[in-house]
Amino acid sequence: MANSTLDKDAVTALTLTPVNANVHSVHLPDGSHVGNLKRIGALWKFKAIGYDGAGQVIPGGGPLTERHNTPFSAPDAMQVSVGLGFPA
């Protein structure tokens, strides 16, 4: 997904997919990858990811760039969805 706007009211919840013990990928309901949740010390932080027109990764970019580095206490899909501004 290129650096586009996102209608957050149209998205009900994000999904998390475990990558390893310290990383979960974060996806929109359509499967689009919008970032990663990374364990940093005792916190989990959302790391936004976008893609350019050629499919190259843009760290900190994408439709959730304004939420880059949002902290969470656990990798919980509902907590992350609400914390990133999506309806519960």
PDB file of N, CA and C in Angstrom:
ATOM      1  N   MET A   1       0.847  -1.168   0.000  1.00  0.00           N
ATOM      2  CA  MET A   1       0.000   0.000   0.000  1.00  0.00           C
ATOM      3  C   MET A   1       0.891   1.230   0.000  1.00  0.00           C
ATOM      4  N   ALA A   2       0.700   2.098  -0.919  1.00  0.00           N
ATOM      5  CA  ALA A   2       1.479   3.330  -0.999  1.00  0.00           C
ATOM      6  C   ALA A   2       1.060   4.258   0.130  1.00  0.00           C
ATOM      7  N   ASN A   3       1.775   5.353   0.294  1.00  0.00           N
ATOM      8  CA  ASN A   3       1.436   6.324   1.328  1.00  0.00           C
ATOM      9  C   ASN A   3       0.121   6.991   0.975  1.00  0.00           C
ATOM     10  N   SER A   4      -0.977   6.348   1.302  1.00  0.00           N
ATOM     11  CA  SER A   4      -2.294   6.868   0.994  1.00  0.00           C
ATOM     12  C   SER A   4      -3.043   7.145   2.280  1.00  0.00           C
ATOM     13  N   THR A   5      -4.169   7.827   2.129  1.00  0.00           N
ATOM     14  CA  THR A   5      -4.999   8.065   3.298  1.00  0.00           C
ATOM     15  C   THR A   5      -5.833   6.826   3.563  1.00  0.00           C
ATOM     16  N   LEU A   6      -6.329   6.723   4.758  1.00  0.00           N
ATOM     17  CA  LEU A   6      -7.065   5.550   5.170  1.00  0.00           C
ATOM     18  C   LEU A   6      -8.328   5.990   5.877  1.00  0.00           C
ATOM     19  N   ASP A   7      -9.472   5.464   5.466  1.00  0.00           N
ATOM     20  CA  ASP A   7     -10.742   5.757   6.126  1.00  0.00           C
ATOM     21  C   ASP A   7     -10.870   4.823   7.317  1.00  0.00           C
ATOM     22  N   LYS A   8     -10.429   5.291   8.480  1.00  0.00           N
ATOM     23  CA  LYS A   8     -10.407   4.446   9.669  1.00  0.00           C
ATOM     24  C   LYS A   8     -11.805   4.023  10.111  1.00  0.00           C
ATOM     25  N   ASP A   9     -12.835   4.799   9.773  1.00  0.00           N
ATOM     26  CA  ASP A   9     -14.193   4.417  10.141  1.00  0.00           C
ATOM     27  C   ASP A   9     -14.656   3.193   9.359  1.00  0.00           C
ATOM     28  N   ALA A  10     -14.031   2.937   8.214  1.00  0.00           N
ATOM     29  CA  ALA A  10     -14.410   1.790   7.393  1.00  0.00           C
ATOM     30  C   ALA A  10     -13.710   0.511   7.849  1.00  0.00           C
ATOM     31  N   VAL A  11     -12.731   0.631   8.735  1.00  0.00           N
ATOM     32  CA  VAL A  11     -11.975  -0.529   9.216  1.00  0.00           C
ATOM     33  C   VAL A  11     -12.458  -0.868  10.621  1.00  0.00           C
ATOM     34  N   THR A  12     -12.822  -2.128  10.828  1.00  0.00           N
ATOM     35  CA  THR A  12     -13.347  -2.495  12.143  1.00  0.00           C
ATOM     36  C   THR A  12     -12.260  -2.881  13.120  1.00  0.00           C
ATOM     37  N   ALA A  13     -11.256  -3.602  12.671  1.00  0.00           N
ATOM     38  CA  ALA A  13     -10.186  -4.000  13.578  1.00  0.00           C
ATOM     39  C   ALA A  13      -8.967  -4.436  12.775  1.00  0.00           C
ATOM     40  N   LEU A  14      -7.830  -4.231  13.367  1.00  0.00           N
ATOM     41  CA  LEU A  14      -6.581  -4.684  12.771  1.00  0.00           C
ATOM     42  C   LEU A  14      -6.321  -6.118  13.224  1.00  0.00           C
ATOM     43  N   THR A  15      -5.501  -6.827  12.485  1.00  0.00           N
ATOM     44  CA  THR A  15      -5.103  -8.169  12.907  1.00  0.00           C
ATOM     45  C   THR A  15      -3.602  -8.188  13.135  1.00  0.00           C
ATOM     46  N   LEU A  16      -3.183  -9.050  14.048  1.00  0.00           N
ATOM     47  CA  LEU A  16      -1.768  -9.231  14.362  1.00  0.00           C
ATOM     48  C   LEU A  16      -1.370 -10.644  13.971  1.00  0.00           C
ATOM     49  N   THR A  17      -0.210 -10.765  13.338  1.00  0.00           N
ATOM     50  CA  THR A  17       0.322 -12.069  12.970  1.00  0.00           C
ATOM     51  C   THR A  17       1.703 -12.204  13.591  1.00  0.00           C
ATOM     52  N   PRO A  18       1.899 -13.195  14.470  1.00  0.00           N
ATOM     53  CA  PRO A  18       3.222 -13.361  15.094  1.00  0.00           C
ATOM     54  C   PRO A  18       4.304 -13.647  14.045  1.00  0.00           C
ATOM     55  N   VAL A  19       5.423 -12.932  14.162  1.00  0.00           N
ATOM     56  CA  VAL A  19       6.593 -13.167  13.316  1.00  0.00           C
ATOM     57  C   VAL A  19       7.620 -13.954  14.123  1.00  0.00           C
ATOM     58  N   ASN A  20       7.836 -13.488  15.357  1.00  0.00           N
ATOM     59  CA  ASN A  20       8.672 -14.196  16.328  1.00  0.00           C
ATOM     60  C   ASN A  20       8.242 -13.718  17.721  1.00  0.00           C
ATOM     61  N   ALA A  21       8.975 -14.080  18.756  1.00  0.00           N
ATOM     62  CA  ALA A  21       8.579 -13.733  20.122  1.00  0.00           C
ATOM     63  C   ALA A  21       8.529 -12.231  20.379  1.00  0.00           C
ATOM     64  N   ASN A  22       9.225 -11.449  19.565  1.00  0.00           N
ATOM     65  CA  ASN A  22       9.315 -10.005  19.802  1.00  0.00           C
ATOM     66  C   ASN A  22       8.705  -9.146  18.713  1.00  0.00           C
ATOM     67  N   VAL A  23       8.088  -9.756  17.706  1.00  0.00           N
ATOM     68  CA  VAL A  23       7.524  -8.985  16.586  1.00  0.00           C
ATOM     69  C   VAL A  23       6.213  -9.621  16.121  1.00  0.00           C
ATOM     70  N   HIS A  24       5.218  -8.760  15.898  1.00  0.00           N
ATOM     71  CA  HIS A  24       3.954  -9.158  15.271  1.00  0.00           C
ATOM     72  C   HIS A  24       3.718  -8.206  14.110  1.00  0.00           C
ATOM     73  N   SER A  25       3.351  -8.717  12.944  1.00  0.00           N
ATOM     74  CA  SER A  25       3.003  -7.836  11.839  1.00  0.00           C
ATOM     75  C   SER A  25       1.553  -7.386  12.036  1.00  0.00           C
ATOM     76  N   VAL A  26       1.268  -6.152  11.615  1.00  0.00           N
ATOM     77  CA  VAL A  26      -0.048  -5.538  11.793  1.00  0.00           C
ATOM     78  C   VAL A  26      -0.676  -5.362  10.413  1.00  0.00           C
ATOM     79  N   HIS A  27      -1.939  -5.837  10.282  1.00  0.00           N
ATOM     80  CA  HIS A  27      -2.608  -5.839   8.984  1.00  0.00           C
ATOM     81  C   HIS A  27      -4.016  -5.263   9.073  1.00  0.00           C
ATOM     82  N   LEU A  28      -4.426  -4.618   7.983  1.00  0.00           N
ATOM     83  CA  LEU A  28      -5.809  -4.198   7.832  1.00  0.00           C
ATOM     84  C   LEU A  28      -6.653  -5.441   7.544  1.00  0.00           C
ATOM     85  N   PRO A  29      -7.981  -5.356   7.681  1.00  0.00           N
ATOM     86  CA  PRO A  29      -8.820  -6.522   7.392  1.00  0.00           C
ATOM     87  C   PRO A  29      -8.639  -7.081   5.975  1.00  0.00           C
ATOM     88  N   ASP A  30      -8.231  -6.243   5.029  1.00  0.00           N
ATOM     89  CA  ASP A  30      -8.011  -6.737   3.660  1.00  0.00           C
ATOM     90  C   ASP A  30      -6.652  -7.411   3.494  1.00  0.00           C
ATOM     91  N   GLY A  31      -5.883  -7.487   4.580  1.00  0.00           N
ATOM     92  CA  GLY A  31      -4.578  -8.141   4.547  1.00  0.00           C
ATOM     93  C   GLY A  31      -3.406  -7.211   4.295  1.00  0.00           C
ATOM     94  N   SER A  32      -3.670  -5.944   4.018  1.00  0.00           N
ATOM     95  CA  SER A  32      -2.582  -4.988   3.773  1.00  0.00           C
ATOM     96  C   SER A  32      -1.711  -4.819   5.007  1.00  0.00           C
ATOM     97  N   HIS A  33      -0.414  -4.918   4.818  1.00  0.00           N
ATOM     98  CA  HIS A  33       0.556  -4.771   5.909  1.00  0.00           C
ATOM     99  C   HIS A  33       0.787  -3.285   6.162  1.00  0.00           C
ATOM    100  N   VAL A  34       0.487  -2.809   7.367  1.00  0.00           N
ATOM    101  CA  VAL A  34       0.635  -1.392   7.685  1.00  0.00           C
ATOM    102  C   VAL A  34       1.663  -1.119   8.770  1.00  0.00           C
ATOM    103  N   GLY A  35       2.284  -2.183   9.308  1.00  0.00           N
ATOM    104  CA  GLY A  35       3.313  -1.962  10.312  1.00  0.00           C
ATOM    105  C   GLY A  35       3.628  -3.221  11.093  1.00  0.00           C
ATOM    106  N   ASN A  36       4.460  -3.042  12.099  1.00  0.00           N
ATOM    107  CA  ASN A  36       4.850  -4.123  12.992  1.00  0.00           C
ATOM    108  C   ASN A  36       4.719  -3.649  14.428  1.00  0.00           C
ATOM    109  N   LEU A  37       4.428  -4.584  15.298  1.00  0.00           N
ATOM    110  CA  LEU A  37       4.435  -4.324  16.730  1.00  0.00           C
ATOM    111  C   LEU A  37       5.692  -5.005  17.259  1.00  0.00           C
ATOM    112  N   LYS A  38       6.612  -4.209  17.803  1.00  0.00           N
ATOM    113  CA  LYS A  38       7.895  -4.746  18.261  1.00  0.00           C
ATOM    114  C   LYS A  38       8.043  -4.563  19.760  1.00  0.00           C
ATOM    115  N   ARG A  39       8.536  -5.628  20.416  1.00  0.00           N
ATOM    116  CA  ARG A  39       8.821  -5.527  21.846  1.00  0.00           C
ATOM    117  C   ARG A  39      10.155  -4.810  22.003  1.00  0.00           C
ATOM    118  N   ILE A  40      10.122  -3.724  22.762  1.00  0.00           N
ATOM    119  CA  ILE A  40      11.324  -2.946  23.057  1.00  0.00           C
ATOM    120  C   ILE A  40      11.356  -2.797  24.570  1.00  0.00           C
ATOM    121  N   GLY A  41      12.204  -3.579  25.202  1.00  0.00           N
ATOM    122  CA  GLY A  41      12.214  -3.623  26.660  1.00  0.00           C
ATOM    123  C   GLY A  41      10.909  -4.232  27.140  1.00  0.00           C
ATOM    124  N   ALA A  42      10.228  -3.530  28.032  1.00  0.00           N
ATOM    125  CA  ALA A  42       8.965  -4.027  28.577  1.00  0.00           C
ATOM    126  C   ALA A  42       7.758  -3.565  27.774  1.00  0.00           C
ATOM    127  N   LEU A  43       7.964  -2.674  26.802  1.00  0.00           N
ATOM    128  CA  LEU A  43       6.862  -2.131  26.003  1.00  0.00           C
ATOM    129  C   LEU A  43       6.819  -2.755  24.617  1.00  0.00           C
ATOM    130  N   TRP A  44       5.648  -2.685  24.010  1.00  0.00           N
ATOM    131  CA  TRP A  44       5.477  -3.016  22.610  1.00  0.00           C
ATOM    132  C   TRP A  44       5.230  -1.696  21.887  1.00  0.00           C
ATOM    133  N   LYS A  45       5.922  -1.471  20.779  1.00  0.00           N
ATOM    134  CA  LYS A  45       5.742  -0.230  20.022  1.00  0.00           C
ATOM    135  C   LYS A  45       5.315  -0.541  18.594  1.00  0.00           C
ATOM    136  N   PHE A  46       4.356   0.259  18.120  1.00  0.00           N
ATOM    137  CA  PHE A  46       3.917   0.138  16.744  1.00  0.00           C
ATOM    138  C   PHE A  46       4.917   0.837  15.842  1.00  0.00           C
ATOM    139  N   LYS A  47       5.367   0.140  14.823  1.00  0.00           N
ATOM    140  CA  LYS A  47       6.299   0.693  13.841  1.00  0.00           C
ATOM    141  C   LYS A  47       5.590   0.708  12.492  1.00  0.00           C
ATOM    142  N   ALA A  48       5.192   1.897  12.052  1.00  0.00           N
ATOM    143  CA  ALA A  48       4.465   2.037  10.791  1.00  0.00           C
ATOM    144  C   ALA A  48       5.344   1.631   9.611  1.00  0.00           C
ATOM    145  N   ILE A  49       4.698   1.076   8.597  1.00  0.00           N
ATOM    146  CA  ILE A  49       5.386   0.703   7.367  1.00  0.00           C
ATOM    147  C   ILE A  49       4.498   1.079   6.196  1.00  0.00           C
ATOM    148  N   GLY A  50       5.109   1.665   5.199  1.00  0.00           N
ATOM    149  CA  GLY A  50       4.412   1.962   3.955  1.00  0.00           C
ATOM    150  C   GLY A  50       5.192   1.368   2.806  1.00  0.00           C
ATOM    151  N   TYR A  51       4.632   1.471   1.635  1.00  0.00           N
ATOM    152  CA  TYR A  51       5.270   0.957   0.428  1.00  0.00           C
ATOM    153  C   TYR A  51       5.144   1.998  -0.668  1.00  0.00           C
ATOM    154  N   ASP A  52       6.210   2.160  -1.459  1.00  0.00           N
ATOM    155  CA  ASP A  52       6.136   3.094  -2.578  1.00  0.00           C
ATOM    156  C   ASP A  52       5.530   2.382  -3.788  1.00  0.00           C
ATOM    157  N   GLY A  53       5.413   3.095  -4.893  1.00  0.00           N
ATOM    158  CA  GLY A  53       4.801   2.551  -6.099  1.00  0.00           C
ATOM    159  C   GLY A  53       5.498   1.325  -6.646  1.00  0.00           C
ATOM    160  N   ALA A  54       6.783   1.180  -6.360  1.00  0.00           N
ATOM    161  CA  ALA A  54       7.552   0.019  -6.824  1.00  0.00           C
ATOM    162  C   ALA A  54       7.536  -1.117  -5.803  1.00  0.00           C
ATOM    163  N   GLY A  55       6.823  -0.931  -4.687  1.00  0.00           N
ATOM    164  CA  GLY A  55       6.744  -1.966  -3.673  1.00  0.00           C
ATOM    165  C   GLY A  55       7.868  -1.947  -2.657  1.00  0.00           C
ATOM    166  N   GLN A  56       8.704  -0.915  -2.704  1.00  0.00           N
ATOM    167  CA  GLN A  56       9.798  -0.795  -1.740  1.00  0.00           C
ATOM    168  C   GLN A  56       9.263  -0.313  -0.390  1.00  0.00           C
ATOM    169  N   VAL A  57       9.805  -0.854   0.680  1.00  0.00           N
ATOM    170  CA  VAL A  57       9.368  -0.516   2.035  1.00  0.00           C
ATOM    171  C   VAL A  57       9.778   0.912   2.393  1.00  0.00           C
ATOM    172  N   ILE A  58       8.852   1.618   3.043  1.00  0.00           N
ATOM    173  CA  ILE A  58       9.110   2.956   3.574  1.00  0.00           C
ATOM    174  C   ILE A  58       8.936   2.867   5.088  1.00  0.00           C
ATOM    175  N   PRO A  59      10.028   2.652   5.847  1.00  0.00           N
ATOM    176  CA  PRO A  59       9.918   2.571   7.307  1.00  0.00           C
ATOM    177  C   PRO A  59       9.321   3.864   7.873  1.00  0.00           C
ATOM    178  N   GLY A  60       8.361   3.718   8.765  1.00  0.00           N
ATOM    179  CA  GLY A  60       7.718   4.881   9.375  1.00  0.00           C
ATOM    180  C   GLY A  60       6.682   5.526   8.479  1.00  0.00           C
ATOM    181  N   GLY A  61       6.457   4.978   7.308  1.00  0.00           N
ATOM    182  CA  GLY A  61       5.523   5.557   6.339  1.00  0.00           C
ATOM    183  C   GLY A  61       4.185   4.849   6.328  1.00  0.00           C
ATOM    184  N   GLY A  62       3.445   5.086   5.278  1.00  0.00           N
ATOM    185  CA  GLY A  62       2.152   4.444   5.093  1.00  0.00           C
ATOM    186  C   GLY A  62       1.013   5.199   5.737  1.00  0.00           C
ATOM    187  N   PRO A  63      -0.167   4.591   5.708  1.00  0.00           N
ATOM    188  CA  PRO A  63      -1.367   5.283   6.189  1.00  0.00           C
ATOM    189  C   PRO A  63      -1.406   5.516   7.698  1.00  0.00           C
ATOM    190  N   LEU A  64      -0.536   4.842   8.455  1.00  0.00           N
ATOM    191  CA  LEU A  64      -0.522   5.025   9.912  1.00  0.00           C
ATOM    192  C   LEU A  64       0.759   5.700  10.395  1.00  0.00           C
ATOM    193  N   THR A  65       1.387   6.459   9.514  1.00  0.00           N
ATOM    194  CA  THR A  65       2.654   7.114   9.861  1.00  0.00           C
ATOM    195  C   THR A  65       2.528   8.006  11.094  1.00  0.00           C
ATOM    196  N   GLU A  66       1.357   8.641  11.290  1.00  0.00           N
ATOM    197  CA  GLU A  66       1.181   9.527  12.453  1.00  0.00           C
ATOM    198  C   GLU A  66       1.120   8.756  13.759  1.00  0.00           C
ATOM    199  N   ARG A  67       0.985   7.434  13.678  1.00  0.00           N
ATOM    200  CA  ARG A  67       0.920   6.594  14.884  1.00  0.00           C
ATOM    201  C   ARG A  67       2.221   5.825  15.135  1.00  0.00           C
ATOM    202  N   HIS A  68       3.252   6.099  14.323  1.00  0.00           N
ATOM    203  CA  HIS A  68       4.551   5.436  14.478  1.00  0.00           C
ATOM    204  C   HIS A  68       5.062   5.645  15.907  1.00  0.00           C
ATOM    205  N   ASN A  69       5.533   4.576  16.534  1.00  0.00           N
ATOM    206  CA  ASN A  69       6.062   4.556  17.900  1.00  0.00           C
ATOM    207  C   ASN A  69       5.006   4.620  18.998  1.00  0.00           C
ATOM    208  N   THR A  70       3.735   4.397  18.658  1.00  0.00           N
ATOM    209  CA  THR A  70       2.694   4.327  19.694  1.00  0.00           C
ATOM    210  C   THR A  70       2.985   3.120  20.590  1.00  0.00           C
ATOM    211  N   PRO A  71       3.046   3.324  21.913  1.00  0.00           N
ATOM    212  CA  PRO A  71       3.355   2.206  22.824  1.00  0.00           C
ATOM    213  C   PRO A  71       2.109   1.420  23.235  1.00  0.00           C
ATOM    214  N   PHE A  72       2.311   0.135  23.507  1.00  0.00           N
ATOM    215  CA  PHE A  72       1.261  -0.762  23.991  1.00  0.00           C
ATOM    216  C   PHE A  72       1.844  -1.653  25.070  1.00  0.00           C
ATOM    217  N   SER A  73       0.974  -2.174  25.933  1.00  0.00           N
ATOM    218  CA  SER A  73       1.445  -3.047  27.011  1.00  0.00           C
ATOM    219  C   SER A  73       1.538  -4.509  26.577  1.00  0.00           C
ATOM    220  N   ALA A  74       0.826  -4.861  25.507  1.00  0.00           N
ATOM    221  CA  ALA A  74       0.817  -6.256  25.050  1.00  0.00           C
ATOM    222  C   ALA A  74       0.413  -6.306  23.580  1.00  0.00           C
ATOM    223  N   PRO A  75       0.737  -7.388  22.903  1.00  0.00           N
ATOM    224  CA  PRO A  75       0.313  -7.547  21.515  1.00  0.00           C
ATOM    225  C   PRO A  75      -1.132  -8.050  21.429  1.00  0.00           C
ATOM    226  N   ASP A  76      -2.066  -7.177  21.717  1.00  0.00           N
ATOM    227  CA  ASP A  76      -3.484  -7.494  21.721  1.00  0.00           C
ATOM    228  C   ASP A  76      -4.156  -6.743  20.568  1.00  0.00           C
ATOM    229  N   ALA A  77      -4.786  -7.468  19.642  1.00  0.00           N
ATOM    230  CA  ALA A  77      -5.344  -6.852  18.435  1.00  0.00           C
ATOM    231  C   ALA A  77      -6.365  -5.759  18.747  1.00  0.00           C
ATOM    232  N   MET A  78      -7.237  -5.971  19.713  1.00  0.00           N
ATOM    233  CA  MET A  78      -8.244  -4.956  20.031  1.00  0.00           C
ATOM    234  C   MET A  78      -7.589  -3.722  20.642  1.00  0.00           C
ATOM    235  N   GLN A  79      -6.654  -3.920  21.568  1.00  0.00           N
ATOM    236  CA  GLN A  79      -5.941  -2.793  22.178  1.00  0.00           C
ATOM    237  C   GLN A  79      -5.190  -2.000  21.108  1.00  0.00           C
ATOM    238  N   VAL A  80      -4.541  -2.698  20.196  1.00  0.00           N
ATOM    239  CA  VAL A  80      -3.792  -2.020  19.137  1.00  0.00           C
ATOM    240  C   VAL A  80      -4.743  -1.281  18.199  1.00  0.00           C
ATOM    241  N   SER A  81      -5.845  -1.913  17.836  1.00  0.00           N
ATOM    242  CA  SER A  81      -6.829  -1.260  16.959  1.00  0.00           C
ATOM    243  C   SER A  81      -7.316   0.049  17.564  1.00  0.00           C
ATOM    244  N   VAL A  82      -7.756  -0.006  18.820  1.00  0.00           N
ATOM    245  CA  VAL A  82      -8.255   1.198  19.490  1.00  0.00           C
ATOM    246  C   VAL A  82      -7.138   2.224  19.657  1.00  0.00           C
ATOM    247  N   GLY A  83      -5.956   1.774  20.054  1.00  0.00           N
ATOM    248  CA  GLY A  83      -4.836   2.678  20.268  1.00  0.00           C
ATOM    249  C   GLY A  83      -4.360   3.372  19.001  1.00  0.00           C
ATOM    250  N   LEU A  84      -4.610   2.749  17.844  1.00  0.00           N
ATOM    251  CA  LEU A  84      -4.231   3.362  16.571  1.00  0.00           C
ATOM    252  C   LEU A  84      -5.385   4.123  15.933  1.00  0.00           C
ATOM    253  N   GLY A  85      -6.489   4.259  16.680  1.00  0.00           N
ATOM    254  CA  GLY A  85      -7.586   5.097  16.236  1.00  0.00           C
ATOM    255  C   GLY A  85      -8.682   4.425  15.438  1.00  0.00           C
ATOM    256  N   PHE A  86      -8.783   3.109  15.529  1.00  0.00           N
ATOM    257  CA  PHE A  86      -9.827   2.390  14.819  1.00  0.00           C
ATOM    258  C   PHE A  86     -11.007   2.134  15.745  1.00  0.00           C
ATOM    259  N   PRO A  87     -12.227   2.059  15.201  1.00  0.00           N
ATOM    260  CA  PRO A  87     -13.391   1.799  16.055  1.00  0.00           C
ATOM    261  C   PRO A  87     -13.301   0.439  16.724  1.00  0.00           C
ATOM    262  N   ALA A  88     -13.833   0.349  17.915  1.00  0.00           N
ATOM    263  CA  ALA A  88     -13.812  -0.923  18.652  1.00  0.00           C
ATOM    264  C   ALA A  88     -14.890  -1.866  18.135  1.00  0.00           C
TER     265      ALA A  88
END
